[in-house]
């Protein structure tokens, strides 16, 4: 790619920074309730393929990759440990 074309692409990218992006707070997430079988499948699949949420969700009918990732993060993140204990009480 020549220098003029790169400069043009760079300047057009700077003009597109006016996107309407809303900040998402993960502390406002609600827990994802999975059945015992779904949880078991998530744990086994994660052990095999890691954080490939789209592949894991593809094995569970009606679940989206975002839901599976949120479930995993909320179960395994220290940031949500106090929220987990509050909901158990």
Protein backbone atom coordinates (compact mmCIF):
# COMPACT_ATOMS: atom_id res chain seq x y z
CA UNK A 1 0.00 0.00 0.00
CA UNK A 2 1.49 3.35 -0.92
CA UNK A 3 2.03 6.16 1.55
CA UNK A 4 -0.78 8.43 0.25
CA UNK A 5 -3.34 5.63 0.51
CA UNK A 6 -2.23 4.78 4.05
CA UNK A 7 -2.52 8.43 5.10
CA UNK A 8 -6.01 8.64 3.58
CA UNK A 9 -7.12 5.47 5.38
CA UNK A 10 -5.66 6.73 8.65
CA UNK A 11 -7.46 10.08 8.42
CA UNK A 12 -10.78 8.44 7.53
CA UNK A 13 -10.40 6.13 10.53
CA UNK A 14 -9.97 9.13 12.83
CA UNK A 15 -13.24 10.65 11.57
CA UNK A 16 -15.13 7.47 12.46
CA UNK A 17 -14.37 7.72 16.19
CA UNK A 18 -17.76 9.31 16.88
CA UNK A 19 -19.43 5.95 17.45
CA UNK A 20 -22.18 5.69 20.00
CA UNK A 21 -20.58 3.18 22.32
CA UNK A 22 -22.21 2.67 25.68
CA UNK A 23 -19.98 1.61 28.53
CA UNK A 24 -20.97 -1.76 29.91
CA UNK A 25 -20.49 -2.43 33.59
CA UNK A 26 -19.90 -6.08 34.38
CA UNK A 27 -20.96 -5.54 38.00
CA UNK A 28 -24.54 -5.09 36.76
CA UNK A 29 -24.56 -8.52 35.13
CA UNK A 30 -27.11 -10.98 36.38
CA UNK A 31 -26.09 -14.54 37.01
CA UNK A 32 -26.70 -16.98 34.21
CA UNK A 33 -28.62 -19.97 35.48
CA UNK A 34 -27.48 -23.15 33.78
CA UNK A 35 -28.79 -26.61 34.46
CA UNK A 36 -26.47 -29.13 36.06
CA UNK A 37 -25.96 -30.84 32.69
CA UNK A 38 -25.16 -27.52 30.98
CA UNK A 39 -22.63 -26.61 33.68
CA UNK A 40 -21.00 -30.01 33.37
CA UNK A 41 -20.75 -29.63 29.60
CA UNK A 42 -19.28 -26.11 29.93
CA UNK A 43 -16.60 -27.34 32.35
CA UNK A 44 -15.70 -30.36 30.21
CA UNK A 45 -15.62 -28.35 26.98
CA UNK A 46 -13.55 -25.58 28.59
CA UNK A 47 -11.03 -28.16 29.73
CA UNK A 48 -10.76 -29.45 26.15
CA UNK A 49 -10.83 -26.27 24.07
CA UNK A 50 -10.35 -23.36 26.48
CA UNK A 51 -12.11 -20.01 26.07
CA UNK A 52 -13.79 -20.85 22.76
CA UNK A 53 -17.19 -19.65 23.97
CA UNK A 54 -18.75 -19.81 20.52
CA UNK A 55 -17.90 -23.50 20.17
CA UNK A 56 -19.11 -24.29 23.68
CA UNK A 57 -22.38 -22.39 23.15
CA UNK A 58 -22.90 -24.25 19.90
CA UNK A 59 -23.17 -27.48 21.87
CA UNK A 60 -25.88 -26.10 24.18
CA UNK A 61 -29.16 -25.34 22.40
CA UNK A 62 -30.51 -21.85 23.09
CA UNK A 63 -27.32 -20.48 24.66
CA UNK A 64 -25.27 -17.62 23.27
CA UNK A 65 -21.47 -17.35 23.57
CA UNK A 66 -21.89 -14.20 25.67
CA UNK A 67 -24.00 -16.08 28.21
CA UNK A 68 -21.45 -18.88 28.53
CA UNK A 69 -18.58 -16.44 28.91
CA UNK A 70 -20.52 -14.42 31.51
CA UNK A 71 -21.31 -17.62 33.42
CA UNK A 72 -17.64 -18.60 33.38
CA UNK A 73 -16.35 -15.18 34.41
CA UNK A 74 -18.85 -14.80 37.22
CA UNK A 75 -18.02 -18.25 38.56
CA UNK A 76 -14.23 -17.91 38.34
CA UNK A 77 -13.48 -14.22 38.81
CA UNK A 78 -12.47 -12.83 42.18
CA UNK A 79 -14.22 -9.59 41.28
CA UNK A 80 -17.56 -11.39 41.58
CA UNK A 81 -16.77 -13.46 44.67
CA UNK A 82 -18.57 -11.07 47.04
CA UNK A 83 -21.59 -10.99 44.71
CA UNK A 84 -21.69 -14.81 44.67
CA UNK A 85 -21.72 -14.96 48.48
CA UNK A 86 -24.48 -12.32 48.67
CA UNK A 87 -26.76 -14.28 46.36
CA UNK A 88 -26.19 -17.55 48.24
CA UNK A 89 -27.39 -16.06 51.54
